Amino acid sequence: MHTYDIAVVGAGPIGIEIAVALKQHGIDYVHFDAKQIAYTISWYAPQTRFFSSNERIAIAGVPFHTVEQSKATREQYLNYLRSVVEQFDLQIHTYEPVTDVQREHGHFVVTTHPAGGERQHHARRVVLCTGGTDRPRLLNIPGETLPHVSHYFDDPHKYFRRRVLVVGSKNSAVEAALRCHIAGAHVTMCYRSAGFPESSIKYWLLPELRSLTESGRIKTYAHATPAHISPTHVTLKLGAETSVDVQADFVLLMTGYEQDNTLLKRAGVELVGPSSVPEFNPATLMTNVPGVYVAGTCVGGTQEKFSVFIENCHDHAAKIIGHAFGIEVSRHALALGLAES
């Protein structure tokens, strides 16, 4: 069976950037994703705008511009990523989830499960670009799985003239609440903290948020924790002995997301601390397992306060290729497919 130089798992922005670098430098690689490229970004709500500037989220040295010269929307960035894949003619095995990585006779056996059944691929090295927000952080309360409850915010139109309870106080909760309000929903927010953490909210949302909450057009419950969800209301605990029932036709649990580290564990990567951060060398991105690398937001584990973003992972391709293959790569060289001495 053919043995690749390296297998790349995950086709988010940094996974794609690594694939471009590998192809441009003639390295024999194979690339997989469990879903479509940039799947995590695809479930952002329609017209969600990035906090980062377009320049900072551009990859592989390919410029990214929007017609209106503003921060990119979800749709614009997905279109950009598709264009990068097409520009470099990257071959990505989408909808082929990797379920196991095991060392065997000096190389790795990468097991995948596409629609046609289990397959095995051999590679001398593996880089895991599997992200850090694979699944919602559950509250584990009664009613959390009811059909009107969701951990994902989608098109605000569906909430027009309906009562919506948004749980959470950070950016995703604030953006969901504001967009539902603008779409004509009757919005209430609740959160465990005393107020909104301004450092975790897009700066252009804060003035509108303050205006709507201070005027009472969006009602808020601070120091509140959902205890039970029924088809018609949510019971909030406001203290040890106090609770209130809030009527809700829809409940948006914007309580964050966590990393699925199953594959990291299967590969033998050690996980450190409460955030289960993979153990790796920051200079090379190789983990405690020789030949297994991590890249992209995967390196942050489950981030409580986000510090690893697309924009500060652009050196990952150069670090991995430099360590694994002895090739020095800059972002400029990456775009041109050149090695630097």
Foldseek 3Di string as FASTA:
>chain_A
DDAFAEEEEAQELVSLQLLLLCVLQVGGYAAEYLADHNVVLVLAAFFAFDLDAQQLLDGLLDHQADPVRDTDGSVSVVVVSVVSCVVSVGDYHHNWHWQFWEDDPQWIWTWTQHPVGIDIHIYNFYEYAQAWFDFFDDPPAAPCPDPQEEQGAYYLLVQAQFEEEQEDQFAVSLVSQVNNVVNHHQYEYEYQAPHHDCVRHRVVSVVVSCVCDVVVSYDYQYNWDFHYDDCFWTWIDNDPPDIDTGGGNHYHYNPGGGGDCSHVVNHPFAFDDPLRATAADPQQQAGPDPRYGYFANSRVGNDPRDDTHSSVGNCNSQSNCCVSPVFGDDSVCSNVSDTDD
